[in-house]
Amino acid sequence: MRLRNVPGSREAIAESEFTINEPQNYKGKWNEVFGNDKPIRIEIGMGKGKFITQLALDNPDINYIGIEKFSSVLIRAIEKRTELDIDNLFFIRMDAETIADCFAEGEVDKIYLNFSDPWPKDRHAKRRLTSKEFFARYDKILKKDGVVEFKTDNNLLFDFSLEQIPMAGWNIVEFTRDLHNDEKMNAGNVMTEYEERFSAKGNPINKLIANR
């Protein structure tokens, strides 16, 4: 379970040079933030940022934006970011429900969803990041040939995702229920904090890739 109360975290996040405090002001203009026209990829629900930070380090020709609504974990990512000499990673503290207000049509190259909150109660299904409602939001900001990649250890959420994504009019390109033993899909895999923890316990990791 994530910690949700780190004193002073919201203030520190707002003051950080790596935080975009009013992302709606950059809709269609994210190239100005990065100072270039390189592809933009985002992670929604990035936690402490291990995954997206490693991607930014490994791929200097791609721009990354990490999105997280909990200040207590986002502040940890920002603390790590201050130690790095890179210019292709920024963060936003926000709820993903308003993501279409922050990016223009086709502005995002790829979306990563990693170990998202399963929202187990049926009445909260629309809040799941792999619901058809959220894929409708992704449809507004993702390039026509863009993809969504999703990883989770939660089998019920994965089953839900396999049903919802086609309902949203998207295609599931490929999927696996045991990522770390799937040679093809595990090639180049970057693990998140949760992935390391769950796989160490022997939990198989699910992954899917979706496009239009």
N, C-alpha and C. Protein backbone atom coordinates (compact mmCIF):
# COMPACT_ATOMS: atom_id res chain seq x y z
N MET A 1 0.84 -1.20 0.00
CA MET A 1 0.00 0.00 0.00
C MET A 1 0.88 1.25 0.00
N ARG A 2 0.49 2.23 -0.76
CA ARG A 2 1.26 3.45 -0.86
C ARG A 2 1.07 4.34 0.35
N LEU A 3 2.16 5.00 0.75
CA LEU A 3 2.04 6.02 1.79
C LEU A 3 1.36 7.23 1.17
N ARG A 4 0.50 7.89 1.92
CA ARG A 4 -0.25 8.98 1.33
C ARG A 4 -0.10 10.29 2.09
N ASN A 5 0.85 10.33 3.02
CA ASN A 5 1.01 11.56 3.76
C ASN A 5 2.46 11.78 4.12
N VAL A 6 3.17 12.53 3.31
CA VAL A 6 4.54 12.93 3.59
C VAL A 6 4.50 14.43 3.79
N PRO A 7 4.73 14.91 5.02
CA PRO A 7 4.65 16.35 5.30
C PRO A 7 5.50 17.17 4.35
N GLY A 8 4.89 18.20 3.77
CA GLY A 8 5.61 19.11 2.89
C GLY A 8 5.80 18.62 1.48
N SER A 9 5.29 17.42 1.15
CA SER A 9 5.54 16.87 -0.19
C SER A 9 4.88 17.69 -1.29
N ARG A 10 3.64 18.13 -1.06
CA ARG A 10 2.95 18.90 -2.10
C ARG A 10 3.69 20.19 -2.41
N GLU A 11 4.16 20.84 -1.36
CA GLU A 11 4.88 22.10 -1.56
C GLU A 11 6.19 21.86 -2.32
N ALA A 12 6.90 20.80 -1.94
CA ALA A 12 8.17 20.50 -2.60
C ALA A 12 7.96 20.13 -4.06
N ILE A 13 6.88 19.40 -4.34
CA ILE A 13 6.57 19.03 -5.72
C ILE A 13 6.26 20.27 -6.55
N ALA A 14 5.46 21.15 -5.99
CA ALA A 14 5.06 22.36 -6.72
C ALA A 14 6.26 23.26 -7.01
N GLU A 15 7.24 23.24 -6.14
CA GLU A 15 8.41 24.11 -6.30
C GLU A 15 9.51 23.50 -7.15
N SER A 16 9.40 22.21 -7.45
CA SER A 16 10.45 21.54 -8.20
C SER A 16 10.51 22.01 -9.66
N GLU A 17 11.71 22.13 -10.16
CA GLU A 17 11.91 22.51 -11.56
C GLU A 17 11.52 21.39 -12.52
N PHE A 18 11.32 20.20 -11.97
CA PHE A 18 10.97 19.05 -12.81
C PHE A 18 9.47 18.77 -12.82
N THR A 19 8.70 19.61 -12.15
CA THR A 19 7.25 19.45 -12.09
C THR A 19 6.56 20.45 -13.00
N ILE A 20 5.57 20.00 -13.74
CA ILE A 20 4.73 20.87 -14.55
C ILE A 20 3.43 21.08 -13.77
N ASN A 21 3.27 22.26 -13.19
CA ASN A 21 2.16 22.50 -12.27
C ASN A 21 0.83 22.78 -12.95
N GLU A 22 0.84 23.32 -14.14
CA GLU A 22 -0.39 23.60 -14.87
C GLU A 22 -0.30 22.97 -16.26
N PRO A 23 -0.37 21.65 -16.31
CA PRO A 23 -0.14 20.93 -17.57
C PRO A 23 -1.12 21.29 -18.68
N GLN A 24 -2.34 21.73 -18.30
CA GLN A 24 -3.31 22.10 -19.33
C GLN A 24 -2.82 23.28 -20.18
N ASN A 25 -1.91 24.07 -19.64
CA ASN A 25 -1.37 25.20 -20.39
C ASN A 25 -0.41 24.77 -21.50
N TYR A 26 0.00 23.52 -21.46
CA TYR A 26 0.97 23.03 -22.46
C TYR A 26 0.34 22.07 -23.47
N LYS A 27 -0.97 21.96 -23.44
CA LYS A 27 -1.66 21.11 -24.39
C LYS A 27 -1.28 21.51 -25.82
N GLY A 28 -0.72 20.59 -26.56
CA GLY A 28 -0.28 20.88 -27.93
C GLY A 28 1.05 21.60 -28.01
N LYS A 29 1.68 21.84 -26.85
CA LYS A 29 2.94 22.60 -26.83
C LYS A 29 4.00 21.94 -25.95
N TRP A 30 3.91 20.63 -25.79
CA TRP A 30 4.89 19.97 -24.93
C TRP A 30 6.29 20.01 -25.52
N ASN A 31 6.39 20.22 -26.82
CA ASN A 31 7.72 20.37 -27.41
C ASN A 31 8.45 21.59 -26.85
N GLU A 32 7.68 22.58 -26.38
CA GLU A 32 8.29 23.76 -25.78
C GLU A 32 8.88 23.44 -24.40
N VAL A 33 8.25 22.53 -23.69
CA VAL A 33 8.77 22.13 -22.38
C VAL A 33 10.12 21.43 -22.53
N PHE A 34 10.19 20.52 -23.50
CA PHE A 34 11.42 19.75 -23.70
C PHE A 34 12.43 20.48 -24.60
N GLY A 35 11.96 21.44 -25.37
CA GLY A 35 12.86 22.16 -26.26
C GLY A 35 13.22 21.38 -27.50
N ASN A 36 12.38 20.40 -27.88
CA ASN A 36 12.63 19.61 -29.08
C ASN A 36 11.34 18.94 -29.53
N ASP A 37 11.40 18.24 -30.65
CA ASP A 37 10.22 17.55 -31.20
C ASP A 37 10.34 16.04 -31.12
N LYS A 38 11.07 15.55 -30.16
CA LYS A 38 11.23 14.11 -29.99
C LYS A 38 9.92 13.48 -29.52
N PRO A 39 9.75 12.18 -29.74
CA PRO A 39 8.52 11.51 -29.31
C PRO A 39 8.29 11.65 -27.81
N ILE A 40 7.01 11.72 -27.43
CA ILE A 40 6.63 11.85 -26.02
C ILE A 40 5.92 10.59 -25.56
N ARG A 41 6.39 10.04 -24.45
CA ARG A 41 5.77 8.86 -23.87
C ARG A 41 5.44 9.16 -22.41
N ILE A 42 4.31 8.66 -21.95
CA ILE A 42 3.86 8.96 -20.59
C ILE A 42 3.59 7.68 -19.81
N GLU A 43 3.82 7.77 -18.52
CA GLU A 43 3.42 6.69 -17.61
C GLU A 43 2.38 7.24 -16.66
N ILE A 44 1.24 6.59 -16.59
CA ILE A 44 0.16 7.03 -15.71
C ILE A 44 0.17 6.16 -14.46
N GLY A 45 0.30 6.79 -13.30
CA GLY A 45 0.42 6.06 -12.06
C GLY A 45 1.84 5.54 -11.89
N MET A 46 2.81 6.46 -11.89
CA MET A 46 4.22 6.09 -11.96
C MET A 46 4.84 5.76 -10.61
N GLY A 47 4.09 5.98 -9.50
CA GLY A 47 4.64 5.66 -8.19
C GLY A 47 5.92 6.42 -7.91
N LYS A 48 6.94 5.71 -7.44
CA LYS A 48 8.21 6.34 -7.10
C LYS A 48 9.12 6.57 -8.30
N GLY A 49 8.64 6.18 -9.48
CA GLY A 49 9.32 6.56 -10.72
C GLY A 49 10.47 5.70 -11.19
N LYS A 50 10.67 4.53 -10.61
CA LYS A 50 11.80 3.69 -11.02
C LYS A 50 11.74 3.34 -12.50
N PHE A 51 10.56 2.96 -12.97
CA PHE A 51 10.37 2.52 -14.35
C PHE A 51 10.66 3.65 -15.34
N ILE A 52 9.96 4.77 -15.18
CA ILE A 52 10.08 5.83 -16.18
C ILE A 52 11.44 6.52 -16.10
N THR A 53 12.03 6.57 -14.94
CA THR A 53 13.36 7.16 -14.81
C THR A 53 14.39 6.32 -15.55
N GLN A 54 14.28 5.00 -15.44
CA GLN A 54 15.21 4.12 -16.15
C GLN A 54 15.02 4.24 -17.66
N LEU A 55 13.76 4.36 -18.10
CA LEU A 55 13.51 4.55 -19.53
C LEU A 55 14.16 5.84 -20.02
N ALA A 56 14.03 6.90 -19.25
CA ALA A 56 14.62 8.18 -19.65
C ALA A 56 16.14 8.09 -19.73
N LEU A 57 16.73 7.35 -18.82
CA LEU A 57 18.19 7.17 -18.84
C LEU A 57 18.62 6.35 -20.05
N ASP A 58 17.83 5.33 -20.38
CA ASP A 58 18.20 4.42 -21.46
C ASP A 58 17.89 4.98 -22.84
N ASN A 59 16.98 5.95 -22.92
CA ASN A 59 16.51 6.44 -24.23
C ASN A 59 16.54 7.96 -24.29
N PRO A 60 17.69 8.56 -24.43
CA PRO A 60 17.80 10.03 -24.44
C PRO A 60 17.10 10.70 -25.61
N ASP A 61 16.76 9.95 -26.65
CA ASP A 61 16.08 10.52 -27.82
C ASP A 61 14.56 10.46 -27.70
N ILE A 62 14.07 10.10 -26.52
CA ILE A 62 12.63 10.08 -26.26
C ILE A 62 12.34 10.91 -25.03
N ASN A 63 11.25 11.68 -25.07
CA ASN A 63 10.84 12.49 -23.93
C ASN A 63 9.81 11.73 -23.09
N TYR A 64 9.93 11.84 -21.77
CA TYR A 64 9.05 11.11 -20.87
C TYR A 64 8.37 12.05 -19.88
N ILE A 65 7.11 11.72 -19.59
CA ILE A 65 6.35 12.44 -18.58
C ILE A 65 5.73 11.43 -17.64
N GLY A 66 6.03 11.56 -16.36
CA GLY A 66 5.45 10.68 -15.36
C GLY A 66 4.29 11.36 -14.67
N ILE A 67 3.17 10.66 -14.59
CA ILE A 67 1.95 11.21 -13.99
C ILE A 67 1.60 10.41 -12.74
N GLU A 68 1.39 11.12 -11.64
CA GLU A 68 1.07 10.46 -10.37
C GLU A 68 0.22 11.40 -9.53
N LYS A 69 -0.82 10.87 -8.90
CA LYS A 69 -1.70 11.73 -8.10
C LYS A 69 -1.33 11.77 -6.63
N PHE A 70 -0.51 10.81 -6.17
CA PHE A 70 -0.15 10.79 -4.75
C PHE A 70 1.19 11.49 -4.53
N SER A 71 1.15 12.58 -3.79
CA SER A 71 2.36 13.36 -3.53
C SER A 71 3.42 12.56 -2.80
N SER A 72 2.99 11.66 -1.92
CA SER A 72 3.93 10.94 -1.07
C SER A 72 4.89 10.04 -1.84
N VAL A 73 4.46 9.56 -3.01
CA VAL A 73 5.36 8.75 -3.82
C VAL A 73 6.02 9.58 -4.93
N LEU A 74 5.32 10.56 -5.45
CA LEU A 74 5.89 11.41 -6.49
C LEU A 74 7.12 12.16 -5.97
N ILE A 75 7.08 12.57 -4.72
CA ILE A 75 8.22 13.30 -4.17
C ILE A 75 9.48 12.45 -4.19
N ARG A 76 9.33 11.14 -4.05
CA ARG A 76 10.49 10.25 -4.10
C ARG A 76 11.11 10.23 -5.50
N ALA A 77 10.25 10.25 -6.50
CA ALA A 77 10.75 10.28 -7.88
C ALA A 77 11.49 11.58 -8.17
N ILE A 78 10.96 12.67 -7.65
CA ILE A 78 11.60 13.97 -7.87
C ILE A 78 12.95 14.03 -7.16
N GLU A 79 13.02 13.45 -5.98
CA GLU A 79 14.30 13.42 -5.26
C GLU A 79 15.35 12.68 -6.06
N LYS A 80 14.97 11.57 -6.68
CA LYS A 80 15.91 10.81 -7.51
C LYS A 80 16.29 11.60 -8.76
N ARG A 81 15.30 12.30 -9.31
CA ARG A 81 15.51 13.05 -10.56
C ARG A 81 16.56 14.14 -10.38
N THR A 82 16.62 14.74 -9.20
CA THR A 82 17.57 15.83 -8.96
C THR A 82 19.02 15.35 -9.03
N GLU A 83 19.23 14.06 -8.91
CA GLU A 83 20.59 13.52 -8.91
C GLU A 83 21.07 13.15 -10.31
N LEU A 84 20.19 13.28 -11.31
CA LEU A 84 20.50 12.80 -12.65
C LEU A 84 20.78 13.94 -13.63
N ASP A 85 21.69 13.69 -14.53
CA ASP A 85 22.03 14.67 -15.57
C ASP A 85 21.32 14.29 -16.86
N ILE A 86 20.00 14.47 -16.87
CA ILE A 86 19.20 14.20 -18.06
C ILE A 86 18.23 15.36 -18.27
N ASP A 87 17.70 15.48 -19.47
CA ASP A 87 16.79 16.59 -19.76
C ASP A 87 15.50 16.12 -20.43
N ASN A 88 15.21 14.83 -20.31
CA ASN A 88 14.06 14.26 -21.03
C ASN A 88 13.01 13.66 -20.10
N LEU A 89 12.91 14.18 -18.88
CA LEU A 89 11.94 13.63 -17.93
C LEU A 89 11.33 14.72 -17.05
N PHE A 90 10.00 14.82 -17.10
CA PHE A 90 9.26 15.74 -16.24
C PHE A 90 8.11 14.99 -15.58
N PHE A 91 7.52 15.64 -14.57
CA PHE A 91 6.46 15.01 -13.81
C PHE A 91 5.24 15.91 -13.69
N ILE A 92 4.08 15.26 -13.54
CA ILE A 92 2.82 15.97 -13.30
C ILE A 92 2.12 15.30 -12.13
N ARG A 93 1.67 16.11 -11.16
CA ARG A 93 0.83 15.57 -10.09
C ARG A 93 -0.61 15.86 -10.45
N MET A 94 -1.35 14.83 -10.81
CA MET A 94 -2.73 15.02 -11.25
C MET A 94 -3.46 13.69 -11.26
N ASP A 95 -4.78 13.79 -11.35
CA ASP A 95 -5.62 12.61 -11.55
C ASP A 95 -5.77 12.40 -13.05
N ALA A 96 -5.60 11.17 -13.48
CA ALA A 96 -5.59 10.88 -14.92
C ALA A 96 -6.92 11.11 -15.61
N GLU A 97 -7.98 11.30 -14.86
CA GLU A 97 -9.29 11.52 -15.48
C GLU A 97 -9.29 12.76 -16.37
N THR A 98 -8.40 13.71 -16.11
CA THR A 98 -8.37 14.95 -16.89
C THR A 98 -7.23 14.95 -17.91
N ILE A 99 -6.72 13.78 -18.24
CA ILE A 99 -5.54 13.72 -19.09
C ILE A 99 -5.78 14.32 -20.48
N ALA A 100 -6.99 14.20 -21.00
CA ALA A 100 -7.28 14.73 -22.33
C ALA A 100 -7.26 16.25 -22.36
N ASP A 101 -7.29 16.87 -21.18
CA ASP A 101 -7.20 18.33 -21.11
C ASP A 101 -5.76 18.81 -21.17
N CYS A 102 -4.82 17.88 -21.08
CA CYS A 102 -3.40 18.25 -20.96
C CYS A 102 -2.57 17.92 -22.19
N PHE A 103 -3.11 17.07 -23.07
CA PHE A 103 -2.36 16.69 -24.28
C PHE A 103 -3.28 16.82 -25.49
N ALA A 104 -2.69 17.28 -26.59
CA ALA A 104 -3.47 17.46 -27.81
C ALA A 104 -3.59 16.14 -28.56
N GLU A 105 -4.44 16.14 -29.56
CA GLU A 105 -4.65 14.94 -30.38
C GLU A 105 -3.33 14.49 -31.01
N GLY A 106 -2.98 13.23 -30.80
CA GLY A 106 -1.78 12.67 -31.40
C GLY A 106 -0.47 13.16 -30.81
N GLU A 107 -0.53 13.80 -29.65
CA GLU A 107 0.70 14.37 -29.08
C GLU A 107 1.55 13.34 -28.35
N VAL A 108 0.93 12.23 -27.96
CA VAL A 108 1.63 11.20 -27.18
C VAL A 108 1.94 9.99 -28.06
N ASP A 109 3.13 9.47 -27.92
CA ASP A 109 3.62 8.36 -28.73
C ASP A 109 3.28 7.00 -28.13
N LYS A 110 3.34 6.91 -26.79
CA LYS A 110 3.09 5.65 -26.10
C LYS A 110 2.63 5.94 -24.68
N ILE A 111 1.77 5.05 -24.16
CA ILE A 111 1.28 5.18 -22.79
C ILE A 111 1.62 3.90 -22.03
N TYR A 112 2.22 4.07 -20.86
CA TYR A 112 2.53 2.94 -19.99
C TYR A 112 1.60 2.96 -18.78
N LEU A 113 1.05 1.80 -18.47
CA LEU A 113 0.23 1.60 -17.27
C LEU A 113 0.85 0.43 -16.51
N ASN A 114 1.34 0.70 -15.32
CA ASN A 114 2.04 -0.33 -14.57
C ASN A 114 1.44 -0.52 -13.18
N PHE A 115 0.94 -1.72 -12.92
CA PHE A 115 0.45 -2.08 -11.60
C PHE A 115 -0.54 -1.04 -11.06
N SER A 116 -1.50 -0.75 -11.90
CA SER A 116 -2.50 0.26 -11.59
C SER A 116 -3.41 -0.19 -10.46
N ASP A 117 -4.01 0.78 -9.78
CA ASP A 117 -4.98 0.51 -8.73
C ASP A 117 -6.11 -0.34 -9.32
N PRO A 118 -6.40 -1.51 -8.76
CA PRO A 118 -7.43 -2.38 -9.34
C PRO A 118 -8.86 -1.92 -9.08
N TRP A 119 -9.07 -0.99 -8.15
CA TRP A 119 -10.43 -0.55 -7.83
C TRP A 119 -11.37 -1.76 -7.82
N PRO A 120 -11.25 -2.64 -6.85
CA PRO A 120 -11.93 -3.94 -6.88
C PRO A 120 -13.46 -3.92 -6.86
N LYS A 121 -14.05 -2.86 -6.33
CA LYS A 121 -15.51 -2.83 -6.27
C LYS A 121 -16.09 -2.52 -7.65
N ASP A 122 -17.14 -3.23 -8.02
CA ASP A 122 -17.74 -3.08 -9.35
C ASP A 122 -18.16 -1.65 -9.64
N ARG A 123 -18.65 -0.96 -8.64
CA ARG A 123 -19.13 0.41 -8.87
C ARG A 123 -17.99 1.38 -9.21
N HIS A 124 -16.76 0.93 -9.01
CA HIS A 124 -15.60 1.78 -9.32
C HIS A 124 -14.91 1.37 -10.63
N ALA A 125 -15.54 0.51 -11.40
CA ALA A 125 -14.91 -0.02 -12.61
C ALA A 125 -14.45 1.07 -13.58
N LYS A 126 -15.20 2.15 -13.66
CA LYS A 126 -14.84 3.22 -14.59
C LYS A 126 -13.55 3.93 -14.19
N ARG A 127 -13.13 3.74 -12.95
CA ARG A 127 -11.91 4.39 -12.48
C ARG A 127 -10.66 3.60 -12.83
N ARG A 128 -10.84 2.35 -13.24
CA ARG A 128 -9.69 1.53 -13.59
C ARG A 128 -9.05 2.07 -14.87
N LEU A 129 -7.74 2.16 -14.86
CA LEU A 129 -7.03 2.79 -15.98
C LEU A 129 -7.11 2.01 -17.28
N THR A 130 -7.60 0.77 -17.21
CA THR A 130 -7.78 -0.02 -18.43
C THR A 130 -9.26 -0.17 -18.80
N SER A 131 -10.12 0.64 -18.21
CA SER A 131 -11.54 0.60 -18.55
C SER A 131 -11.76 1.22 -19.93
N LYS A 132 -12.89 0.92 -20.52
CA LYS A 132 -13.19 1.50 -21.84
C LYS A 132 -13.31 3.01 -21.75
N GLU A 133 -13.71 3.51 -20.58
CA GLU A 133 -13.80 4.96 -20.40
C GLU A 133 -12.42 5.61 -20.46
N PHE A 134 -11.44 4.99 -19.84
CA PHE A 134 -10.09 5.55 -19.91
C PHE A 134 -9.48 5.37 -21.29
N PHE A 135 -9.79 4.26 -21.97
CA PHE A 135 -9.25 4.10 -23.31
C PHE A 135 -9.85 5.12 -24.28
N ALA A 136 -11.03 5.60 -23.99
CA ALA A 136 -11.60 6.68 -24.79
C ALA A 136 -10.78 7.95 -24.61
N ARG A 137 -10.26 8.15 -23.41
CA ARG A 137 -9.39 9.30 -23.16
C ARG A 137 -8.06 9.14 -23.88
N TYR A 138 -7.51 7.93 -23.82
CA TYR A 138 -6.23 7.68 -24.50
C TYR A 138 -6.37 7.88 -26.01
N ASP A 139 -7.54 7.53 -26.53
CA ASP A 139 -7.78 7.67 -27.96
C ASP A 139 -7.64 9.11 -28.42
N LYS A 140 -7.90 10.05 -27.52
CA LYS A 140 -7.85 11.47 -27.87
C LYS A 140 -6.43 12.00 -27.94
N ILE A 141 -5.50 11.39 -27.24
CA ILE A 141 -4.16 11.97 -27.14
C ILE A 141 -3.06 11.14 -27.81
N LEU A 142 -3.35 9.88 -28.09
CA LEU A 142 -2.33 8.99 -28.64
C LEU A 142 -2.26 9.07 -30.15
N LYS A 143 -1.07 9.01 -30.69
CA LYS A 143 -0.89 8.96 -32.13
C LYS A 143 -1.63 7.76 -32.71
N LYS A 144 -2.00 7.86 -33.96
CA LYS A 144 -2.78 6.79 -34.58
C LYS A 144 -2.07 5.45 -34.55
N ASP A 145 -0.74 5.47 -34.62
CA ASP A 145 0.01 4.21 -34.57
C ASP A 145 0.61 3.99 -33.18
N GLY A 146 0.14 4.73 -32.20
CA GLY A 146 0.65 4.61 -30.85
C GLY A 146 0.11 3.38 -30.15
N VAL A 147 0.74 3.02 -29.02
CA VAL A 147 0.33 1.83 -28.29
C VAL A 147 0.21 2.12 -26.80
N VAL A 148 -0.55 1.26 -26.13
CA VAL A 148 -0.65 1.27 -24.68
C VAL A 148 -0.08 -0.05 -24.18
N GLU A 149 0.82 0.02 -23.20
CA GLU A 149 1.39 -1.17 -22.59
C GLU A 149 0.97 -1.23 -21.13
N PHE A 150 0.49 -2.38 -20.70
CA PHE A 150 -0.04 -2.54 -19.36
C PHE A 150 0.54 -3.77 -18.69
N LYS A 151 1.02 -3.59 -17.45
CA LYS A 151 1.53 -4.71 -16.65
C LYS A 151 0.83 -4.72 -15.30
N THR A 152 0.55 -5.92 -14.79
CA THR A 152 -0.07 -6.07 -13.48
C THR A 152 0.14 -7.49 -12.97
N ASP A 153 0.10 -7.64 -11.67
CA ASP A 153 0.09 -8.98 -11.08
C ASP A 153 -1.32 -9.39 -10.70
N ASN A 154 -2.27 -8.47 -10.88
CA ASN A 154 -3.66 -8.70 -10.47
C ASN A 154 -4.42 -9.40 -11.60
N ASN A 155 -4.71 -10.68 -11.41
CA ASN A 155 -5.34 -11.46 -12.48
C ASN A 155 -6.76 -10.99 -12.80
N LEU A 156 -7.50 -10.58 -11.79
CA LEU A 156 -8.86 -10.09 -12.03
C LEU A 156 -8.84 -8.81 -12.85
N LEU A 157 -7.92 -7.92 -12.53
CA LEU A 157 -7.80 -6.68 -13.30
C LEU A 157 -7.36 -6.98 -14.73
N PHE A 158 -6.49 -7.95 -14.88
CA PHE A 158 -6.02 -8.29 -16.22
C PHE A 158 -7.15 -8.88 -17.05
N ASP A 159 -7.95 -9.76 -16.44
CA ASP A 159 -9.11 -10.32 -17.14
C ASP A 159 -10.07 -9.21 -17.56
N PHE A 160 -10.30 -8.29 -16.64
CA PHE A 160 -11.16 -7.13 -16.92
C PHE A 160 -10.62 -6.34 -18.12
N SER A 161 -9.32 -6.15 -18.14
CA SER A 161 -8.68 -5.37 -19.20
C SER A 161 -8.81 -6.06 -20.56
N LEU A 162 -8.63 -7.37 -20.57
CA LEU A 162 -8.76 -8.12 -21.81
C LEU A 162 -10.17 -8.02 -22.39
N GLU A 163 -11.16 -7.81 -21.55
CA GLU A 163 -12.54 -7.65 -22.00
C GLU A 163 -12.83 -6.21 -22.41
N GLN A 164 -12.36 -5.27 -21.62
CA GLN A 164 -12.70 -3.87 -21.82
C GLN A 164 -12.04 -3.24 -23.05
N ILE A 165 -10.80 -3.60 -23.29
CA ILE A 165 -10.07 -2.95 -24.38
C ILE A 165 -10.72 -3.19 -25.74
N PRO A 166 -11.09 -4.41 -26.09
CA PRO A 166 -11.82 -4.59 -27.36
C PRO A 166 -13.17 -3.86 -27.36
N MET A 167 -13.83 -3.78 -26.21
CA MET A 167 -15.09 -3.05 -26.12
C MET A 167 -14.89 -1.57 -26.44
N ALA A 168 -13.69 -1.07 -26.18
CA ALA A 168 -13.37 0.33 -26.47
C ALA A 168 -13.00 0.54 -27.93
N GLY A 169 -12.98 -0.55 -28.72
CA GLY A 169 -12.64 -0.45 -30.12
C GLY A 169 -11.15 -0.57 -30.41
N TRP A 170 -10.40 -1.05 -29.44
CA TRP A 170 -8.96 -1.23 -29.59
C TRP A 170 -8.64 -2.71 -29.82
N ASN A 171 -7.41 -2.96 -30.29
CA ASN A 171 -6.93 -4.31 -30.51
C ASN A 171 -5.91 -4.69 -29.44
N ILE A 172 -5.96 -5.91 -28.99
CA ILE A 172 -4.91 -6.43 -28.12
C ILE A 172 -3.90 -7.13 -29.02
N VAL A 173 -2.76 -6.49 -29.20
CA VAL A 173 -1.75 -6.99 -30.13
C VAL A 173 -1.16 -8.30 -29.64
N GLU A 174 -0.80 -8.33 -28.38
CA GLU A 174 -0.28 -9.54 -27.77
C GLU A 174 -0.39 -9.42 -26.26
N PHE A 175 -0.40 -10.58 -25.60
CA PHE A 175 -0.44 -10.56 -24.15
C PHE A 175 0.17 -11.83 -23.59
N THR A 176 0.57 -11.77 -22.34
CA THR A 176 1.11 -12.92 -21.66
C THR A 176 0.67 -12.89 -20.21
N ARG A 177 0.52 -14.06 -19.63
CA ARG A 177 0.18 -14.15 -18.21
C ARG A 177 1.41 -14.53 -17.37
N ASP A 178 2.55 -14.58 -18.00
CA ASP A 178 3.79 -14.90 -17.28
C ASP A 178 4.95 -14.20 -17.98
N LEU A 179 5.00 -12.91 -17.82
CA LEU A 179 5.94 -12.07 -18.57
C LEU A 179 7.38 -12.53 -18.45
N HIS A 180 7.83 -12.81 -17.26
CA HIS A 180 9.24 -13.09 -17.05
C HIS A 180 9.67 -14.44 -17.62
N ASN A 181 8.70 -15.26 -18.00
CA ASN A 181 9.02 -16.52 -18.68
C ASN A 181 8.59 -16.51 -20.14
N ASP A 182 8.29 -15.31 -20.65
CA ASP A 182 7.93 -15.13 -22.05
C ASP A 182 9.09 -14.41 -22.73
N GLU A 183 9.90 -15.17 -23.42
CA GLU A 183 11.15 -14.62 -23.97
C GLU A 183 10.91 -13.42 -24.87
N LYS A 184 9.89 -13.48 -25.71
CA LYS A 184 9.63 -12.39 -26.64
C LYS A 184 9.17 -11.13 -25.93
N MET A 185 8.14 -11.24 -25.11
CA MET A 185 7.58 -10.05 -24.48
C MET A 185 8.45 -9.50 -23.36
N ASN A 186 9.31 -10.34 -22.80
CA ASN A 186 10.17 -9.89 -21.71
C ASN A 186 11.46 -9.24 -22.19
N ALA A 187 11.71 -9.30 -23.49
CA ALA A 187 12.93 -8.71 -24.04
C ALA A 187 12.96 -7.21 -23.77
N GLY A 188 13.98 -6.73 -23.12
CA GLY A 188 14.11 -5.31 -22.82
C GLY A 188 13.20 -4.81 -21.72
N ASN A 189 12.58 -5.72 -20.99
CA ASN A 189 11.64 -5.31 -19.94
C ASN A 189 12.35 -4.54 -18.82
N VAL A 190 11.75 -3.43 -18.43
CA VAL A 190 12.22 -2.64 -17.29
C VAL A 190 11.23 -2.85 -16.16
N MET A 191 11.71 -3.31 -15.02
CA MET A 191 10.81 -3.62 -13.92
C MET A 191 10.52 -2.39 -13.05
N THR A 192 9.30 -2.36 -12.55
CA THR A 192 8.90 -1.33 -11.59
C THR A 192 9.22 -1.83 -10.19
N GLU A 193 9.03 -0.94 -9.18
CA GLU A 193 9.23 -1.35 -7.80
C GLU A 193 8.29 -2.51 -7.43
N TYR A 194 7.02 -2.37 -7.82
CA TYR A 194 6.04 -3.40 -7.52
C TYR A 194 6.38 -4.70 -8.24
N GLU A 195 6.82 -4.59 -9.47
CA GLU A 195 7.15 -5.79 -10.24
C GLU A 195 8.27 -6.58 -9.58
N GLU A 196 9.29 -5.87 -9.10
CA GLU A 196 10.38 -6.55 -8.41
C GLU A 196 9.88 -7.25 -7.15
N ARG A 197 9.02 -6.57 -6.42
CA ARG A 197 8.50 -7.10 -5.16
C ARG A 197 7.63 -8.33 -5.40
N PHE A 198 6.70 -8.19 -6.36
CA PHE A 198 5.76 -9.29 -6.60
C PHE A 198 6.44 -10.50 -7.23
N SER A 199 7.33 -10.26 -8.18
CA SER A 199 7.99 -11.38 -8.85
C SER A 199 8.93 -12.10 -7.89
N ALA A 200 9.49 -11.38 -6.91
CA ALA A 200 10.34 -12.02 -5.91
C ALA A 200 9.55 -12.99 -5.05
N LYS A 201 8.25 -12.74 -4.94
CA LYS A 201 7.37 -13.63 -4.17
C LYS A 201 6.87 -14.80 -5.03
N GLY A 202 7.24 -14.80 -6.30
CA GLY A 202 6.82 -15.87 -7.19
C GLY A 202 5.53 -15.57 -7.93
N ASN A 203 5.03 -14.34 -7.82
CA ASN A 203 3.79 -13.99 -8.52
C ASN A 203 4.07 -13.78 -10.01
N PRO A 204 3.36 -14.46 -10.90
CA PRO A 204 3.53 -14.21 -12.34
C PRO A 204 3.01 -12.82 -12.70
N ILE A 205 3.67 -12.20 -13.65
CA ILE A 205 3.32 -10.85 -14.09
C ILE A 205 2.58 -10.92 -15.43
N ASN A 206 1.45 -10.26 -15.50
CA ASN A 206 0.68 -10.16 -16.75
C ASN A 206 1.10 -8.93 -17.53
N LYS A 207 1.09 -9.04 -18.84
CA LYS A 207 1.36 -7.86 -19.68
C LYS A 207 0.54 -7.96 -20.96
N LEU A 208 0.05 -6.80 -21.42
CA LEU A 208 -0.58 -6.72 -22.72
C LEU A 208 -0.15 -5.47 -23.45
N ILE A 209 -0.23 -5.52 -24.75
CA ILE A 209 0.05 -4.36 -25.61
C ILE A 209 -1.18 -4.16 -26.48
N ALA A 210 -1.67 -2.92 -26.53
CA ALA A 210 -2.89 -2.62 -27.28
C ALA A 210 -2.67 -1.46 -28.25
N ASN A 211 -3.34 -1.54 -29.38
CA ASN A 211 -3.36 -0.41 -30.33
C ASN A 211 -4.75 -0.33 -30.94
N ARG A 212 -4.93 0.62 -31.84
CA ARG A 212 -6.23 0.79 -32.46
C ARG A 212 -6.41 -0.21 -33.61
